[in-house]
Amino acid sequence: MQIGIISDTHNVLPKSVFKYFKNVEHIFHAGDIGNLIILDDLKQIAPVTAIYGNIDDGKTKKAVPSIKFKNFESRLICLVHDIGSVKNFSYELFKTNKNADIIIHGHTHRPTCETYQKRIFINPGSASYPRTLSNGTIAIVDFDKINFSHEFIKLED
């Protein structure tokens, strides 16, 4: 299964996202959407699961949750905006008795992927306001019950 991961659009959806996400089966938006129109635009490509982030307004907070769990290919995905640290968030998951395999997050505007306690933590960076690169980034993930691979994509626009 191939999924697209995007975060921190802040009301700007670069046009090249449509090109890179054209073959994904699902899109996850990890918050700081900016405007619900962004989600409508992404839904033209594939189904979207989204959560709100710290800059999102009341209208967005009514439309999407702050955290979302979703099963894909026998893996539990947790979608959340700000994890703080992988260690702290793993402890928070433990307290809720949720055993997520993949945690998709945003907030830092920096693309990262790391494994902690057999959990994969992936942040696509910011599609529109990167902190470490000149262009925004997104991620494409391929996975099944056993394998997991990811690619960070630097957007042209």
N, C-alpha and C. Protein backbone atom coordinates (compact mmCIF):
# COMPACT_ATOMS: atom_id res chain seq x y z
N MET A 1 0.84 -1.17 0.00
CA MET A 1 0.00 0.00 0.00
C MET A 1 0.88 1.23 0.00
N GLN A 2 0.50 2.21 -0.79
CA GLN A 2 1.24 3.46 -0.86
C GLN A 2 0.35 4.58 -0.32
N ILE A 3 0.90 5.33 0.65
CA ILE A 3 0.17 6.46 1.22
C ILE A 3 0.99 7.74 1.05
N GLY A 4 0.29 8.85 0.98
CA GLY A 4 0.93 10.15 0.94
C GLY A 4 0.80 10.81 2.30
N ILE A 5 1.86 11.46 2.73
CA ILE A 5 1.85 12.15 4.03
C ILE A 5 2.23 13.60 3.80
N ILE A 6 1.41 14.48 4.38
CA ILE A 6 1.61 15.92 4.24
C ILE A 6 1.31 16.57 5.58
N SER A 7 1.95 17.67 5.86
CA SER A 7 1.70 18.38 7.11
C SER A 7 2.04 19.85 6.94
N ASP A 8 1.55 20.63 7.87
CA ASP A 8 1.92 22.04 7.98
C ASP A 8 1.81 22.78 6.65
N THR A 9 0.62 22.68 6.05
CA THR A 9 0.36 23.40 4.80
C THR A 9 0.08 24.87 5.06
N HIS A 10 -0.43 25.20 6.24
CA HIS A 10 -0.68 26.60 6.61
C HIS A 10 -1.42 27.36 5.51
N ASN A 11 -2.45 26.72 4.97
CA ASN A 11 -3.32 27.33 3.96
C ASN A 11 -2.69 27.44 2.57
N VAL A 12 -1.59 26.72 2.33
CA VAL A 12 -0.94 26.74 1.02
C VAL A 12 -0.71 25.29 0.59
N LEU A 13 -1.29 24.92 -0.54
CA LEU A 13 -1.08 23.58 -1.08
C LEU A 13 -0.31 23.70 -2.40
N PRO A 14 0.99 23.41 -2.37
CA PRO A 14 1.77 23.51 -3.60
C PRO A 14 1.20 22.60 -4.70
N LYS A 15 1.20 23.09 -5.93
CA LYS A 15 0.62 22.34 -7.05
C LYS A 15 1.32 21.02 -7.30
N SER A 16 2.61 20.94 -7.03
CA SER A 16 3.33 19.70 -7.30
C SER A 16 2.89 18.54 -6.41
N VAL A 17 2.18 18.82 -5.33
CA VAL A 17 1.64 17.74 -4.48
C VAL A 17 0.75 16.83 -5.31
N PHE A 18 -0.02 17.39 -6.22
CA PHE A 18 -0.92 16.60 -7.05
C PHE A 18 -0.13 15.60 -7.91
N LYS A 19 1.00 16.03 -8.42
CA LYS A 19 1.84 15.16 -9.25
C LYS A 19 2.41 14.01 -8.43
N TYR A 20 2.94 14.32 -7.25
CA TYR A 20 3.60 13.28 -6.45
C TYR A 20 2.63 12.33 -5.77
N PHE A 21 1.44 12.81 -5.46
CA PHE A 21 0.45 11.96 -4.78
C PHE A 21 -0.48 11.23 -5.76
N LYS A 22 -0.27 11.35 -7.05
CA LYS A 22 -1.22 10.81 -8.02
C LYS A 22 -1.46 9.30 -7.89
N ASN A 23 -0.51 8.53 -7.36
CA ASN A 23 -0.67 7.08 -7.24
C ASN A 23 -0.90 6.59 -5.82
N VAL A 24 -1.07 7.49 -4.86
CA VAL A 24 -1.28 7.04 -3.49
C VAL A 24 -2.71 6.57 -3.29
N GLU A 25 -2.88 5.63 -2.36
CA GLU A 25 -4.21 5.10 -2.07
C GLU A 25 -4.91 5.87 -0.97
N HIS A 26 -4.14 6.58 -0.17
CA HIS A 26 -4.71 7.35 0.94
C HIS A 26 -3.73 8.48 1.26
N ILE A 27 -4.27 9.58 1.78
CA ILE A 27 -3.44 10.72 2.19
C ILE A 27 -3.70 11.00 3.67
N PHE A 28 -2.62 11.21 4.41
CA PHE A 28 -2.70 11.62 5.81
C PHE A 28 -2.16 13.03 5.93
N HIS A 29 -2.96 13.91 6.54
CA HIS A 29 -2.52 15.29 6.80
C HIS A 29 -2.33 15.43 8.31
N ALA A 30 -1.10 15.75 8.72
CA ALA A 30 -0.74 15.78 10.14
C ALA A 30 -0.87 17.15 10.79
N GLY A 31 -1.85 17.92 10.37
CA GLY A 31 -2.19 19.15 11.07
C GLY A 31 -1.54 20.42 10.58
N ASP A 32 -2.00 21.53 11.18
CA ASP A 32 -1.71 22.89 10.71
C ASP A 32 -2.14 23.01 9.25
N ILE A 33 -3.39 22.68 9.03
CA ILE A 33 -4.00 22.67 7.71
C ILE A 33 -4.13 24.10 7.18
N GLY A 34 -4.72 24.95 8.00
CA GLY A 34 -4.89 26.35 7.60
C GLY A 34 -6.29 26.66 7.10
N ASN A 35 -6.85 25.80 6.28
CA ASN A 35 -8.20 26.01 5.75
C ASN A 35 -8.70 24.65 5.26
N LEU A 36 -9.96 24.37 5.51
CA LEU A 36 -10.52 23.08 5.12
C LEU A 36 -10.54 22.86 3.61
N ILE A 37 -10.41 23.93 2.84
CA ILE A 37 -10.34 23.80 1.38
C ILE A 37 -9.14 22.94 0.98
N ILE A 38 -8.07 23.01 1.77
CA ILE A 38 -6.88 22.18 1.51
C ILE A 38 -7.27 20.70 1.50
N LEU A 39 -8.08 20.29 2.47
CA LEU A 39 -8.50 18.88 2.55
C LEU A 39 -9.40 18.53 1.37
N ASP A 40 -10.28 19.45 0.98
CA ASP A 40 -11.13 19.21 -0.19
C ASP A 40 -10.28 19.01 -1.45
N ASP A 41 -9.24 19.81 -1.59
CA ASP A 41 -8.36 19.68 -2.74
C ASP A 41 -7.64 18.33 -2.73
N LEU A 42 -7.16 17.91 -1.56
CA LEU A 42 -6.47 16.63 -1.45
C LEU A 42 -7.41 15.46 -1.73
N LYS A 43 -8.68 15.61 -1.38
CA LYS A 43 -9.66 14.54 -1.61
C LYS A 43 -9.91 14.31 -3.10
N GLN A 44 -9.50 15.23 -3.94
CA GLN A 44 -9.57 15.01 -5.39
C GLN A 44 -8.58 13.94 -5.84
N ILE A 45 -7.56 13.70 -5.02
CA ILE A 45 -6.52 12.72 -5.35
C ILE A 45 -6.86 11.35 -4.75
N ALA A 46 -7.17 11.33 -3.45
CA ALA A 46 -7.40 10.07 -2.73
C ALA A 46 -8.14 10.40 -1.43
N PRO A 47 -8.69 9.38 -0.76
CA PRO A 47 -9.31 9.64 0.54
C PRO A 47 -8.29 10.26 1.50
N VAL A 48 -8.79 11.11 2.40
CA VAL A 48 -7.92 11.86 3.31
C VAL A 48 -8.32 11.60 4.76
N THR A 49 -7.33 11.37 5.59
CA THR A 49 -7.49 11.36 7.03
C THR A 49 -6.66 12.52 7.56
N ALA A 50 -7.28 13.36 8.39
CA ALA A 50 -6.58 14.57 8.86
C ALA A 50 -6.86 14.82 10.33
N ILE A 51 -5.95 15.53 10.94
CA ILE A 51 -6.12 16.03 12.31
C ILE A 51 -5.76 17.51 12.30
N TYR A 52 -6.16 18.20 13.36
CA TYR A 52 -5.81 19.63 13.41
C TYR A 52 -4.50 19.83 14.18
N GLY A 53 -3.90 20.98 13.92
CA GLY A 53 -2.67 21.36 14.62
C GLY A 53 -2.86 22.65 15.40
N ASN A 54 -1.79 23.15 15.95
CA ASN A 54 -1.87 24.29 16.86
C ASN A 54 -2.29 25.59 16.19
N ILE A 55 -2.14 25.74 14.87
CA ILE A 55 -2.55 27.00 14.23
C ILE A 55 -3.96 26.95 13.67
N ASP A 56 -4.56 25.77 13.67
CA ASP A 56 -5.88 25.63 13.05
C ASP A 56 -6.97 26.29 13.89
N ASP A 57 -7.97 26.85 13.18
CA ASP A 57 -9.03 27.60 13.84
C ASP A 57 -10.15 26.68 14.33
N GLY A 58 -11.14 27.29 14.96
CA GLY A 58 -12.26 26.55 15.53
C GLY A 58 -13.04 25.75 14.52
N LYS A 59 -13.20 26.28 13.32
CA LYS A 59 -13.93 25.57 12.27
C LYS A 59 -13.22 24.26 11.91
N THR A 60 -11.91 24.32 11.79
CA THR A 60 -11.13 23.12 11.49
C THR A 60 -11.18 22.15 12.66
N LYS A 61 -11.09 22.66 13.87
CA LYS A 61 -11.12 21.80 15.05
C LYS A 61 -12.46 21.09 15.21
N LYS A 62 -13.53 21.68 14.69
CA LYS A 62 -14.83 21.00 14.71
C LYS A 62 -14.92 19.93 13.63
N ALA A 63 -14.17 20.10 12.55
CA ALA A 63 -14.26 19.19 11.40
C ALA A 63 -13.36 17.96 11.53
N VAL A 64 -12.21 18.11 12.19
CA VAL A 64 -11.27 17.00 12.33
C VAL A 64 -10.79 16.90 13.78
N PRO A 65 -10.39 15.69 14.22
CA PRO A 65 -9.94 15.53 15.61
C PRO A 65 -8.49 15.96 15.82
N SER A 66 -8.04 15.92 17.06
CA SER A 66 -6.65 16.25 17.39
C SER A 66 -5.74 15.04 17.25
N ILE A 67 -6.32 13.84 17.30
CA ILE A 67 -5.56 12.61 17.14
C ILE A 67 -6.48 11.58 16.49
N LYS A 68 -5.91 10.73 15.66
CA LYS A 68 -6.72 9.75 14.94
C LYS A 68 -5.93 8.45 14.81
N PHE A 69 -6.61 7.33 15.04
CA PHE A 69 -6.03 6.01 14.84
C PHE A 69 -6.75 5.36 13.67
N LYS A 70 -5.98 4.72 12.78
CA LYS A 70 -6.57 4.10 11.60
C LYS A 70 -5.79 2.83 11.25
N ASN A 71 -6.51 1.75 10.98
CA ASN A 71 -5.88 0.49 10.58
C ASN A 71 -5.66 0.45 9.08
N PHE A 72 -4.43 0.06 8.69
CA PHE A 72 -4.07 -0.15 7.29
C PHE A 72 -3.15 -1.37 7.23
N GLU A 73 -3.44 -2.28 6.33
CA GLU A 73 -2.56 -3.44 6.11
C GLU A 73 -2.14 -4.09 7.42
N SER A 74 -3.08 -4.28 8.32
CA SER A 74 -2.82 -4.90 9.63
C SER A 74 -1.84 -4.11 10.50
N ARG A 75 -1.70 -2.84 10.22
CA ARG A 75 -0.88 -1.96 11.07
C ARG A 75 -1.77 -0.84 11.57
N LEU A 76 -1.55 -0.45 12.81
CA LEU A 76 -2.30 0.67 13.37
C LEU A 76 -1.48 1.94 13.21
N ILE A 77 -2.08 2.91 12.52
CA ILE A 77 -1.43 4.21 12.31
C ILE A 77 -2.04 5.22 13.27
N CYS A 78 -1.18 5.98 13.91
CA CYS A 78 -1.61 7.08 14.77
C CYS A 78 -1.22 8.37 14.08
N LEU A 79 -2.19 9.25 13.91
CA LEU A 79 -1.96 10.55 13.28
C LEU A 79 -2.13 11.62 14.35
N VAL A 80 -1.09 12.41 14.56
CA VAL A 80 -1.08 13.43 15.60
C VAL A 80 -0.18 14.57 15.14
N HIS A 81 -0.41 15.77 15.62
CA HIS A 81 0.38 16.90 15.14
C HIS A 81 1.74 17.00 15.85
N ASP A 82 1.73 17.17 17.15
CA ASP A 82 2.95 17.44 17.91
C ASP A 82 3.19 16.31 18.90
N ILE A 83 4.29 15.57 18.71
CA ILE A 83 4.58 14.45 19.62
C ILE A 83 5.50 14.86 20.76
N GLY A 84 6.08 16.03 20.70
CA GLY A 84 7.08 16.40 21.71
C GLY A 84 8.37 15.66 21.40
N SER A 85 8.48 14.44 21.89
CA SER A 85 9.62 13.57 21.58
C SER A 85 9.10 12.15 21.39
N VAL A 86 9.86 11.33 20.70
CA VAL A 86 9.41 9.95 20.47
C VAL A 86 9.28 9.20 21.79
N LYS A 87 10.17 9.46 22.71
CA LYS A 87 10.12 8.80 24.02
C LYS A 87 8.87 9.20 24.79
N ASN A 88 8.60 10.50 24.88
CA ASN A 88 7.42 10.96 25.62
C ASN A 88 6.13 10.49 24.97
N PHE A 89 6.07 10.55 23.63
CA PHE A 89 4.84 10.13 22.97
C PHE A 89 4.62 8.63 23.10
N SER A 90 5.69 7.85 23.07
CA SER A 90 5.56 6.40 23.28
C SER A 90 4.95 6.12 24.65
N TYR A 91 5.37 6.89 25.65
CA TYR A 91 4.80 6.72 26.99
C TYR A 91 3.33 7.12 27.01
N GLU A 92 2.97 8.18 26.32
CA GLU A 92 1.56 8.59 26.25
C GLU A 92 0.71 7.51 25.57
N LEU A 93 1.25 6.91 24.53
CA LEU A 93 0.53 5.80 23.87
C LEU A 93 0.36 4.63 24.83
N PHE A 94 1.40 4.33 25.58
CA PHE A 94 1.35 3.24 26.55
C PHE A 94 0.23 3.49 27.57
N LYS A 95 0.09 4.72 28.03
CA LYS A 95 -0.94 5.05 29.02
C LYS A 95 -2.35 4.89 28.45
N THR A 96 -2.51 5.05 27.13
CA THR A 96 -3.83 4.92 26.52
C THR A 96 -4.12 3.48 26.06
N ASN A 97 -3.11 2.61 26.22
CA ASN A 97 -3.25 1.22 25.82
C ASN A 97 -3.43 1.07 24.31
N LYS A 98 -2.92 2.01 23.54
CA LYS A 98 -2.94 1.93 22.08
C LYS A 98 -1.55 1.49 21.62
N ASN A 99 -1.51 0.49 20.80
CA ASN A 99 -0.24 -0.03 20.34
C ASN A 99 -0.02 0.31 18.87
N ALA A 100 0.13 1.58 18.56
CA ALA A 100 0.32 2.01 17.18
C ALA A 100 1.66 1.55 16.65
N ASP A 101 1.66 1.14 15.38
CA ASP A 101 2.89 0.70 14.72
C ASP A 101 3.60 1.86 14.02
N ILE A 102 2.82 2.77 13.46
CA ILE A 102 3.36 3.91 12.72
C ILE A 102 2.73 5.18 13.29
N ILE A 103 3.56 6.13 13.66
CA ILE A 103 3.07 7.41 14.15
C ILE A 103 3.45 8.46 13.11
N ILE A 104 2.43 9.09 12.54
CA ILE A 104 2.62 10.16 11.57
C ILE A 104 2.40 11.48 12.32
N HIS A 105 3.37 12.37 12.23
CA HIS A 105 3.25 13.63 12.96
C HIS A 105 3.83 14.77 12.14
N GLY A 106 3.66 15.97 12.64
CA GLY A 106 4.14 17.17 11.97
C GLY A 106 4.75 18.12 12.98
N HIS A 107 4.42 19.38 12.87
CA HIS A 107 4.75 20.46 13.79
C HIS A 107 6.16 21.03 13.65
N THR A 108 7.17 20.19 13.48
CA THR A 108 8.55 20.69 13.48
C THR A 108 8.98 21.30 12.14
N HIS A 109 8.22 21.03 11.08
CA HIS A 109 8.54 21.50 9.73
C HIS A 109 9.84 20.87 9.20
N ARG A 110 10.26 19.77 9.80
CA ARG A 110 11.49 19.08 9.39
C ARG A 110 11.17 17.62 9.07
N PRO A 111 11.53 17.14 7.88
CA PRO A 111 11.27 15.73 7.56
C PRO A 111 12.18 14.80 8.36
N THR A 112 11.56 13.84 9.05
CA THR A 112 12.32 12.86 9.83
C THR A 112 11.61 11.51 9.80
N CYS A 113 12.38 10.47 9.94
CA CYS A 113 11.84 9.13 10.12
C CYS A 113 12.77 8.38 11.06
N GLU A 114 12.21 7.88 12.15
CA GLU A 114 13.02 7.14 13.11
C GLU A 114 12.18 6.04 13.75
N THR A 115 12.88 5.05 14.26
CA THR A 115 12.21 3.94 14.95
C THR A 115 12.56 4.01 16.42
N TYR A 116 11.54 3.85 17.26
CA TYR A 116 11.73 3.83 18.70
C TYR A 116 10.79 2.78 19.27
N GLN A 117 11.34 1.84 20.02
CA GLN A 117 10.57 0.76 20.62
C GLN A 117 9.67 0.07 19.58
N LYS A 118 10.26 -0.24 18.45
CA LYS A 118 9.59 -0.95 17.35
C LYS A 118 8.45 -0.16 16.70
N ARG A 119 8.38 1.13 16.99
CA ARG A 119 7.40 2.01 16.35
C ARG A 119 8.13 2.91 15.36
N ILE A 120 7.49 3.15 14.22
CA ILE A 120 8.05 4.05 13.22
C ILE A 120 7.40 5.42 13.41
N PHE A 121 8.22 6.44 13.57
CA PHE A 121 7.77 7.82 13.69
C PHE A 121 8.19 8.55 12.42
N ILE A 122 7.21 9.07 11.69
CA ILE A 122 7.55 9.77 10.45
C ILE A 122 6.88 11.14 10.40
N ASN A 123 7.66 12.12 10.04
CA ASN A 123 7.22 13.50 9.89
C ASN A 123 7.60 13.94 8.48
N PRO A 124 6.62 14.34 7.65
CA PRO A 124 6.94 14.71 6.28
C PRO A 124 7.60 16.08 6.13
N GLY A 125 7.72 16.81 7.21
CA GLY A 125 8.18 18.19 7.12
C GLY A 125 6.99 19.08 6.78
N SER A 126 7.24 20.26 6.33
CA SER A 126 6.17 21.19 5.96
C SER A 126 6.08 21.32 4.45
N ALA A 127 4.86 21.19 3.94
CA ALA A 127 4.66 21.33 2.50
C ALA A 127 4.86 22.77 2.03
N SER A 128 4.66 23.74 2.92
CA SER A 128 4.73 25.13 2.49
C SER A 128 5.70 26.03 3.22
N TYR A 129 6.07 25.68 4.45
CA TYR A 129 6.96 26.55 5.22
C TYR A 129 8.08 25.73 5.86
N PRO A 130 9.02 25.25 5.05
CA PRO A 130 10.10 24.42 5.60
C PRO A 130 11.05 25.22 6.46
N ARG A 131 11.66 24.55 7.42
CA ARG A 131 12.64 25.23 8.28
C ARG A 131 14.07 24.93 7.87
N THR A 132 14.31 23.76 7.27
CA THR A 132 15.69 23.39 6.97
C THR A 132 16.01 23.35 5.49
N LEU A 133 14.99 23.42 4.64
CA LEU A 133 15.21 23.36 3.20
C LEU A 133 14.58 24.59 2.55
N SER A 134 14.96 24.84 1.30
CA SER A 134 14.39 26.00 0.61
C SER A 134 12.98 25.72 0.09
N ASN A 135 12.64 24.46 -0.13
CA ASN A 135 11.31 24.10 -0.62
C ASN A 135 10.61 23.20 0.39
N GLY A 136 9.29 23.16 0.28
CA GLY A 136 8.52 22.29 1.15
C GLY A 136 8.76 20.82 0.84
N THR A 137 8.35 19.97 1.77
CA THR A 137 8.52 18.53 1.60
C THR A 137 7.23 17.79 1.95
N ILE A 138 7.09 16.61 1.36
CA ILE A 138 6.03 15.66 1.66
C ILE A 138 6.71 14.30 1.74
N ALA A 139 5.94 13.27 2.09
CA ALA A 139 6.49 11.92 2.13
C ALA A 139 5.54 10.97 1.43
N ILE A 140 6.13 9.96 0.82
CA ILE A 140 5.37 8.84 0.28
C ILE A 140 5.90 7.59 0.97
N VAL A 141 4.96 6.78 1.48
CA VAL A 141 5.32 5.58 2.22
C VAL A 141 4.72 4.37 1.52
N ASP A 142 5.53 3.35 1.36
CA ASP A 142 5.08 2.04 0.88
C ASP A 142 5.20 1.07 2.04
N PHE A 143 4.13 0.34 2.32
CA PHE A 143 4.24 -0.64 3.39
C PHE A 143 3.20 -1.74 3.23
N ASP A 144 3.50 -2.86 3.86
CA ASP A 144 2.55 -3.96 4.00
C ASP A 144 2.72 -4.51 5.41
N LYS A 145 2.33 -5.75 5.64
CA LYS A 145 2.40 -6.31 6.99
C LYS A 145 3.83 -6.43 7.50
N ILE A 146 4.79 -6.53 6.58
CA ILE A 146 6.18 -6.77 6.98
C ILE A 146 7.10 -5.60 6.62
N ASN A 147 6.98 -5.08 5.44
CA ASN A 147 7.91 -4.08 4.92
C ASN A 147 7.42 -2.65 5.11
N PHE A 148 8.38 -1.74 5.19
CA PHE A 148 8.10 -0.31 5.30
C PHE A 148 9.23 0.44 4.61
N SER A 149 8.89 1.31 3.67
CA SER A 149 9.89 2.19 3.08
C SER A 149 9.27 3.56 2.88
N HIS A 150 10.11 4.56 2.90
CA HIS A 150 9.60 5.93 2.75
C HIS A 150 10.53 6.73 1.85
N GLU A 151 9.95 7.78 1.28
CA GLU A 151 10.72 8.71 0.47
C GLU A 151 10.24 10.12 0.80
N PHE A 152 11.16 11.00 1.13
CA PHE A 152 10.83 12.41 1.30
C PHE A 152 11.01 13.09 -0.04
N ILE A 153 10.06 13.90 -0.41
CA ILE A 153 10.10 14.58 -1.69
C ILE A 153 10.16 16.08 -1.48
N LYS A 154 11.14 16.70 -2.09
CA LYS A 154 11.27 18.15 -2.05
C LYS A 154 10.42 18.72 -3.18
N LEU A 155 9.48 19.55 -2.84
CA LEU A 155 8.53 20.10 -3.82
C LEU A 155 9.17 21.22 -4.64
N GLU A 156 8.72 21.33 -5.89
CA GLU A 156 9.28 22.35 -6.78
C GLU A 156 8.70 23.73 -6.54
N ASP A 157 7.47 23.78 -6.06
CA ASP A 157 6.82 25.10 -5.94
C ASP A 157 6.46 25.44 -4.52
